[in-house]
Every structure is written in structure tokens, then in C-alpha cells.
Amino acid sequence: MSDGRLFKILYHLLDKGHATAPELAGRFEVSPRTIYRDVEALSSAGVPVYAEPGRNGGIYLLHGFTL
């Protein structure tokens, strides 16, 4: 896992509000599985990030979260 990529994912979510794992995987040129590992790492670090499965799901930050 790349610390730089974790921050880029965090800033992307802060900017856009949400994203899908395949979308983030394409943007950062890694696999969707790597994105899920990165999301788990962010969550373990105390960032309120969560994933919703399904057609309209995605990866989100808790509403109102700021750095």
C-alpha cells in the first residue's frame, strides 16, 4: 500500500463525495482489490470511510468529515 495513494483516495473522496472501486482502480492504476485494501487501511487509521455494495453503491466518507 502506498501512503501517497491513500491520501489521493482520501482527497478524491473529499472532492467528489463518492467513487466506485473500479473507478478509483482505473484512476490510480491498481486493481479494485487493492482499492478495497486501501479503504480498509484508511478505516483502520480512523478515517470514517465506508463502502456500500450494489448497483448504486460505492465508497463514501461520513457526511461532514473534514481534515
PDB file of N, CA and C in Angstrom:
ATOM      1  N   MET A   1       0.853  -1.173   0.000  1.00  0.00           N
ATOM      2  CA  MET A   1       0.000   0.000   0.000  1.00  0.00           C
ATOM      3  C   MET A   1       0.894   1.229   0.000  1.00  0.00           C
ATOM      4  N   SER A   2       0.474   2.191  -0.740  1.00  0.00           N
ATOM      5  CA  SER A   2       1.229   3.429  -0.869  1.00  0.00           C
ATOM      6  C   SER A   2       0.546   4.526  -0.047  1.00  0.00           C
ATOM      7  N   ASP A   3       1.321   5.140   0.847  1.00  0.00           N
ATOM      8  CA  ASP A   3       0.748   6.228   1.656  1.00  0.00           C
ATOM      9  C   ASP A   3       0.258   7.362   0.763  1.00  0.00           C
ATOM     10  N   GLY A   4       1.005   7.634  -0.309  1.00  0.00           N
ATOM     11  CA  GLY A   4       0.592   8.676  -1.239  1.00  0.00           C
ATOM     12  C   GLY A   4      -0.750   8.375  -1.872  1.00  0.00           C
ATOM     13  N   ARG A   5      -0.952   7.099  -2.235  1.00  0.00           N
ATOM     14  CA  ARG A   5      -2.228   6.709  -2.840  1.00  0.00           C
ATOM     15  C   ARG A   5      -3.369   6.826  -1.830  1.00  0.00           C
ATOM     16  N   LEU A   6      -3.102   6.511  -0.571  1.00  0.00           N
ATOM     17  CA  LEU A   6      -4.144   6.643   0.458  1.00  0.00           C
ATOM     18  C   LEU A   6      -4.608   8.091   0.571  1.00  0.00           C
ATOM     19  N   PHE A   7      -3.656   9.009   0.586  1.00  0.00           N
ATOM     20  CA  PHE A   7      -4.026  10.425   0.654  1.00  0.00           C
ATOM     21  C   PHE A   7      -4.750  10.866  -0.615  1.00  0.00           C
ATOM     22  N   LYS A   8      -4.331  10.371  -1.755  1.00  0.00           N
ATOM     23  CA  LYS A   8      -5.009  10.732  -3.010  1.00  0.00           C
ATOM     24  C   LYS A   8      -6.435  10.210  -3.025  1.00  0.00           C
ATOM     25  N   ILE A   9      -6.644   8.997  -2.522  1.00  0.00           N
ATOM     26  CA  ILE A   9      -8.006   8.452  -2.425  1.00  0.00           C
ATOM     27  C   ILE A   9      -8.827   9.310  -1.486  1.00  0.00           C
ATOM     28  N   LEU A  10      -8.265   9.659  -0.346  1.00  0.00           N
ATOM     29  CA  LEU A  10      -8.972  10.487   0.628  1.00  0.00           C
ATOM     30  C   LEU A  10      -9.359  11.835   0.028  1.00  0.00           C
ATOM     31  N   TYR A  11      -8.412  12.491  -0.634  1.00  0.00           N
ATOM     32  CA  TYR A  11      -8.714  13.795  -1.241  1.00  0.00           C
ATOM     33  C   TYR A  11      -9.725  13.665  -2.381  1.00  0.00           C
ATOM     34  N   HIS A  12      -9.662  12.574  -3.134  1.00  0.00           N
ATOM     35  CA  HIS A  12     -10.641  12.350  -4.207  1.00  0.00           C
ATOM     36  C   HIS A  12     -12.046  12.234  -3.605  1.00  0.00           C
ATOM     37  N   LEU A  13     -12.164  11.470  -2.528  1.00  0.00           N
ATOM     38  CA  LEU A  13     -13.471  11.311  -1.880  1.00  0.00           C
ATOM     39  C   LEU A  13     -13.950  12.617  -1.257  1.00  0.00           C
ATOM     40  N   LEU A  14     -13.038  13.391  -0.692  1.00  0.00           N
ATOM     41  CA  LEU A  14     -13.429  14.694  -0.145  1.00  0.00           C
ATOM     42  C   LEU A  14     -13.932  15.614  -1.254  1.00  0.00           C
ATOM     43  N   ASP A  15     -13.302  15.545  -2.414  1.00  0.00           N
ATOM     44  CA  ASP A  15     -13.666  16.410  -3.536  1.00  0.00           C
ATOM     45  C   ASP A  15     -14.949  15.955  -4.221  1.00  0.00           C
ATOM     46  N   LYS A  16     -15.058  14.674  -4.530  1.00  0.00           N
ATOM     47  CA  LYS A  16     -16.177  14.152  -5.322  1.00  0.00           C
ATOM     48  C   LYS A  16     -17.340  13.627  -4.491  1.00  0.00           C
ATOM     49  N   GLY A  17     -17.090  13.289  -3.229  1.00  0.00           N
ATOM     50  CA  GLY A  17     -18.169  12.773  -2.386  1.00  0.00           C
ATOM     51  C   GLY A  17     -18.230  11.261  -2.335  1.00  0.00           C
ATOM     52  N   HIS A  18     -18.054  10.609  -3.472  1.00  0.00           N
ATOM     53  CA  HIS A  18     -18.047   9.150  -3.505  1.00  0.00           C
ATOM     54  C   HIS A  18     -17.383   8.681  -4.797  1.00  0.00           C
ATOM     55  N   ALA A  19     -17.068   7.403  -4.838  1.00  0.00           N
ATOM     56  CA  ALA A  19     -16.475   6.803  -6.028  1.00  0.00           C
ATOM     57  C   ALA A  19     -16.671   5.300  -5.946  1.00  0.00           C
ATOM     58  N   THR A  20     -16.546   4.625  -7.061  1.00  0.00           N
ATOM     59  CA  THR A  20     -16.592   3.172  -7.071  1.00  0.00           C
ATOM     60  C   THR A  20     -15.169   2.637  -7.045  1.00  0.00           C
ATOM     61  N   ALA A  21     -15.023   1.402  -6.609  1.00  0.00           N
ATOM     62  CA  ALA A  21     -13.690   0.785  -6.578  1.00  0.00           C
ATOM     63  C   ALA A  21     -13.094   0.687  -7.985  1.00  0.00           C
ATOM     64  N   PRO A  22     -13.860   0.261  -9.003  1.00  0.00           N
ATOM     65  CA  PRO A  22     -13.280   0.229 -10.348  1.00  0.00           C
ATOM     66  C   PRO A  22     -12.867   1.613 -10.858  1.00  0.00           C
ATOM     67  N   GLU A  23     -13.630   2.629 -10.513  1.00  0.00           N
ATOM     68  CA  GLU A  23     -13.281   3.998 -10.898  1.00  0.00           C
ATOM     69  C   GLU A  23     -11.950   4.416 -10.278  1.00  0.00           C
ATOM     70  N   LEU A  24     -11.798   4.172  -8.982  1.00  0.00           N
ATOM     71  CA  LEU A  24     -10.553   4.514  -8.299  1.00  0.00           C
ATOM     72  C   LEU A  24      -9.394   3.651  -8.797  1.00  0.00           C
ATOM     73  N   ALA A  25      -9.677   2.382  -9.070  1.00  0.00           N
ATOM     74  CA  ALA A  25      -8.638   1.476  -9.571  1.00  0.00           C
ATOM     75  C   ALA A  25      -8.099   1.971 -10.911  1.00  0.00           C
ATOM     76  N   GLY A  26      -8.969   2.405 -11.784  1.00  0.00           N
ATOM     77  CA  GLY A  26      -8.534   2.944 -13.066  1.00  0.00           C
ATOM     78  C   GLY A  26      -7.746   4.225 -12.915  1.00  0.00           C
ATOM     79  N   ARG A  27      -8.195   5.065 -12.030  1.00  0.00           N
ATOM     80  CA  ARG A  27      -7.522   6.350 -11.820  1.00  0.00           C
ATOM     81  C   ARG A  27      -6.107   6.167 -11.264  1.00  0.00           C
ATOM     82  N   PHE A  28      -5.940   5.211 -10.336  1.00  0.00           N
ATOM     83  CA  PHE A  28      -4.651   5.016  -9.683  1.00  0.00           C
ATOM     84  C   PHE A  28      -3.875   3.823 -10.239  1.00  0.00           C
ATOM     85  N   GLU A  29      -4.389   3.210 -11.290  1.00  0.00           N
ATOM     86  CA  GLU A  29      -3.725   2.110 -11.998  1.00  0.00           C
ATOM     87  C   GLU A  29      -3.364   0.946 -11.078  1.00  0.00           C
ATOM     88  N   VAL A  30      -4.343   0.529 -10.286  1.00  0.00           N
ATOM     89  CA  VAL A  30      -4.217  -0.644  -9.421  1.00  0.00           C
ATOM     90  C   VAL A  30      -5.485  -1.475  -9.588  1.00  0.00           C
ATOM     91  N   SER A  31      -5.560  -2.611  -8.925  1.00  0.00           N
ATOM     92  CA  SER A  31      -6.756  -3.450  -9.019  1.00  0.00           C
ATOM     93  C   SER A  31      -7.825  -2.958  -8.033  1.00  0.00           C
ATOM     94  N   PRO A  32      -9.093  -3.285  -8.308  1.00  0.00           N
ATOM     95  CA  PRO A  32     -10.140  -2.940  -7.338  1.00  0.00           C
ATOM     96  C   PRO A  32      -9.875  -3.553  -5.962  1.00  0.00           C
ATOM     97  N   ARG A  33      -9.276  -4.744  -5.927  1.00  0.00           N
ATOM     98  CA  ARG A  33      -8.954  -5.377  -4.647  1.00  0.00           C
ATOM     99  C   ARG A  33      -7.975  -4.518  -3.849  1.00  0.00           C
ATOM    100  N   THR A  34      -7.024  -3.904  -4.531  1.00  0.00           N
ATOM    101  CA  THR A  34      -6.071  -3.011  -3.873  1.00  0.00           C
ATOM    102  C   THR A  34      -6.793  -1.802  -3.298  1.00  0.00           C
ATOM    103  N   ILE A  35      -7.773  -1.292  -4.026  1.00  0.00           N
ATOM    104  CA  ILE A  35      -8.567  -0.154  -3.530  1.00  0.00           C
ATOM    105  C   ILE A  35      -9.296  -0.552  -2.251  1.00  0.00           C
ATOM    106  N   TYR A  36      -9.885  -1.756  -2.230  1.00  0.00           N
ATOM    107  CA  TYR A  36     -10.576  -2.197  -1.018  1.00  0.00           C
ATOM    108  C   TYR A  36      -9.605  -2.339   0.155  1.00  0.00           C
ATOM    109  N   ARG A  37      -8.390  -2.801  -0.102  1.00  0.00           N
ATOM    110  CA  ARG A  37      -7.376  -2.868   0.958  1.00  0.00           C
ATOM    111  C   ARG A  37      -7.024  -1.462   1.447  1.00  0.00           C
ATOM    112  N   ASP A  38      -6.902  -0.531   0.515  1.00  0.00           N
ATOM    113  CA  ASP A  38      -6.593   0.850   0.888  1.00  0.00           C
ATOM    114  C   ASP A  38      -7.719   1.464   1.712  1.00  0.00           C
ATOM    115  N   VAL A  39      -8.952   1.183   1.346  1.00  0.00           N
ATOM    116  CA  VAL A  39     -10.105   1.685   2.110  1.00  0.00           C
ATOM    117  C   VAL A  39     -10.081   1.098   3.514  1.00  0.00           C
ATOM    118  N   GLU A  40      -9.724  -0.171   3.636  1.00  0.00           N
ATOM    119  CA  GLU A  40      -9.606  -0.798   4.955  1.00  0.00           C
ATOM    120  C   GLU A  40      -8.502  -0.137   5.772  1.00  0.00           C
ATOM    121  N   ALA A  41      -7.390   0.197   5.122  1.00  0.00           N
ATOM    122  CA  ALA A  41      -6.291   0.875   5.811  1.00  0.00           C
ATOM    123  C   ALA A  41      -6.718   2.263   6.289  1.00  0.00           C
ATOM    124  N   LEU A  42      -7.465   2.982   5.464  1.00  0.00           N
ATOM    125  CA  LEU A  42      -7.967   4.297   5.867  1.00  0.00           C
ATOM    126  C   LEU A  42      -8.903   4.159   7.066  1.00  0.00           C
ATOM    127  N   SER A  43      -9.768   3.169   7.011  1.00  0.00           N
ATOM    128  CA  SER A  43     -10.707   2.945   8.105  1.00  0.00           C
ATOM    129  C   SER A  43      -9.966   2.595   9.392  1.00  0.00           C
ATOM    130  N   SER A  44      -8.948   1.763   9.288  1.00  0.00           N
ATOM    131  CA  SER A  44      -8.156   1.385  10.461  1.00  0.00           C
ATOM    132  C   SER A  44      -7.420   2.575  11.058  1.00  0.00           C
ATOM    133  N   ALA A  45      -7.128   3.567  10.213  1.00  0.00           N
ATOM    134  CA  ALA A  45      -6.438   4.772  10.678  1.00  0.00           C
ATOM    135  C   ALA A  45      -7.405   5.788  11.287  1.00  0.00           C
ATOM    136  N   GLY A  46      -8.691   5.460  11.307  1.00  0.00           N
ATOM    137  CA  GLY A  46      -9.665   6.350  11.932  1.00  0.00           C
ATOM    138  C   GLY A  46     -10.429   7.239  10.971  1.00  0.00           C
ATOM    139  N   VAL A  47     -10.220   7.078   9.679  1.00  0.00           N
ATOM    140  CA  VAL A  47     -10.971   7.867   8.693  1.00  0.00           C
ATOM    141  C   VAL A  47     -12.357   7.221   8.544  1.00  0.00           C
ATOM    142  N   PRO A  48     -13.431   7.992   8.672  1.00  0.00           N
ATOM    143  CA  PRO A  48     -14.779   7.413   8.589  1.00  0.00           C
ATOM    144  C   PRO A  48     -15.193   7.144   7.141  1.00  0.00           C
ATOM    145  N   VAL A  49     -14.614   6.109   6.555  1.00  0.00           N
ATOM    146  CA  VAL A  49     -14.890   5.742   5.172  1.00  0.00           C
ATOM    147  C   VAL A  49     -15.661   4.424   5.184  1.00  0.00           C
ATOM    148  N   TYR A  50     -16.607   4.283   4.274  1.00  0.00           N
ATOM    149  CA  TYR A  50     -17.366   3.043   4.199  1.00  0.00           C
ATOM    150  C   TYR A  50     -17.738   2.762   2.754  1.00  0.00           C
ATOM    151  N   ALA A  51     -18.060   1.505   2.496  1.00  0.00           N
ATOM    152  CA  ALA A  51     -18.446   1.075   1.154  1.00  0.00           C
ATOM    153  C   ALA A  51     -19.851   0.500   1.204  1.00  0.00           C
ATOM    154  N   GLU A  52     -20.647   0.860   0.204  1.00  0.00           N
ATOM    155  CA  GLU A  52     -21.993   0.319   0.063  1.00  0.00           C
ATOM    156  C   GLU A  52     -22.014  -0.553  -1.177  1.00  0.00           C
ATOM    157  N   PRO A  53     -22.436  -1.809  -1.039  1.00  0.00           N
ATOM    158  CA  PRO A  53     -22.498  -2.686  -2.207  1.00  0.00           C
ATOM    159  C   PRO A  53     -23.718  -2.385  -3.068  1.00  0.00           C
ATOM    160  N   GLY A  54     -23.707  -2.926  -4.249  1.00  0.00           N
ATOM    161  CA  GLY A  54     -24.877  -2.822  -5.107  1.00  0.00           C
ATOM    162  C   GLY A  54     -24.693  -1.876  -6.269  1.00  0.00           C
ATOM    163  N   ARG A  55     -25.736  -1.819  -7.071  1.00  0.00           N
ATOM    164  CA  ARG A  55     -25.699  -1.029  -8.304  1.00  0.00           C
ATOM    165  C   ARG A  55     -25.404   0.446  -8.057  1.00  0.00           C
ATOM    166  N   ASN A  56     -26.014   1.030  -7.055  1.00  0.00           N
ATOM    167  CA  ASN A  56     -25.809   2.450  -6.754  1.00  0.00           C
ATOM    168  C   ASN A  56     -24.857   2.653  -5.586  1.00  0.00           C
ATOM    169  N   GLY A  57     -24.083   1.632  -5.257  1.00  0.00           N
ATOM    170  CA  GLY A  57     -23.162   1.705  -4.138  1.00  0.00           C
ATOM    171  C   GLY A  57     -21.887   2.425  -4.510  1.00  0.00           C
ATOM    172  N   GLY A  58     -20.951   2.361  -3.623  1.00  0.00           N
ATOM    173  CA  GLY A  58     -19.661   2.995  -3.845  1.00  0.00           C
ATOM    174  C   GLY A  58     -18.940   3.185  -2.534  1.00  0.00           C
ATOM    175  N   ILE A  59     -17.880   3.950  -2.588  1.00  0.00           N
ATOM    176  CA  ILE A  59     -17.061   4.240  -1.422  1.00  0.00           C
ATOM    177  C   ILE A  59     -17.324   5.683  -1.032  1.00  0.00           C
ATOM    178  N   TYR A  60     -17.647   5.885   0.228  1.00  0.00           N
ATOM    179  CA  TYR A  60     -18.054   7.201   0.733  1.00  0.00           C
ATOM    180  C   TYR A  60     -17.300   7.555   1.992  1.00  0.00           C
ATOM    181  N   LEU A  61     -17.229   8.837   2.278  1.00  0.00           N
ATOM    182  CA  LEU A  61     -16.797   9.323   3.580  1.00  0.00           C
ATOM    183  C   LEU A  61     -18.047   9.706   4.358  1.00  0.00           C
ATOM    184  N   LEU A  62     -17.965   9.608   5.667  1.00  0.00           N
ATOM    185  CA  LEU A  62     -19.072  10.017   6.513  1.00  0.00           C
ATOM    186  C   LEU A  62     -19.413  11.474   6.232  1.00  0.00           C
ATOM    187  N   HIS A  63     -20.683  11.770   6.088  1.00  0.00           N
ATOM    188  CA  HIS A  63     -21.121  13.127   5.767  1.00  0.00           C
ATOM    189  C   HIS A  63     -20.590  14.123   6.803  1.00  0.00           C
ATOM    190  N   GLY A  64     -20.001  15.190   6.340  1.00  0.00           N
ATOM    191  CA  GLY A  64     -19.491  16.230   7.207  1.00  0.00           C
ATOM    192  C   GLY A  64     -18.040  16.030   7.641  1.00  0.00           C
ATOM    193  N   PHE A  65     -17.398  14.968   7.177  1.00  0.00           N
ATOM    194  CA  PHE A  65     -16.000  14.734   7.549  1.00  0.00           C
ATOM    195  C   PHE A  65     -15.094  15.751   6.874  1.00  0.00           C
ATOM    196  N   THR A  66     -14.162  16.311   7.655  1.00  0.00           N
ATOM    197  CA  THR A  66     -13.135  17.218   7.114  1.00  0.00           C
ATOM    198  C   THR A  66     -11.797  16.829   7.723  1.00  0.00           C
ATOM    199  N   LEU A  67     -10.746  17.269   7.089  1.00  0.00           N
ATOM    200  CA  LEU A  67      -9.403  17.017   7.629  1.00  0.00           C
ATOM    201  C   LEU A  67      -9.020  18.146   8.549  1.00  0.00           C
TER     202      LEU A  67
END
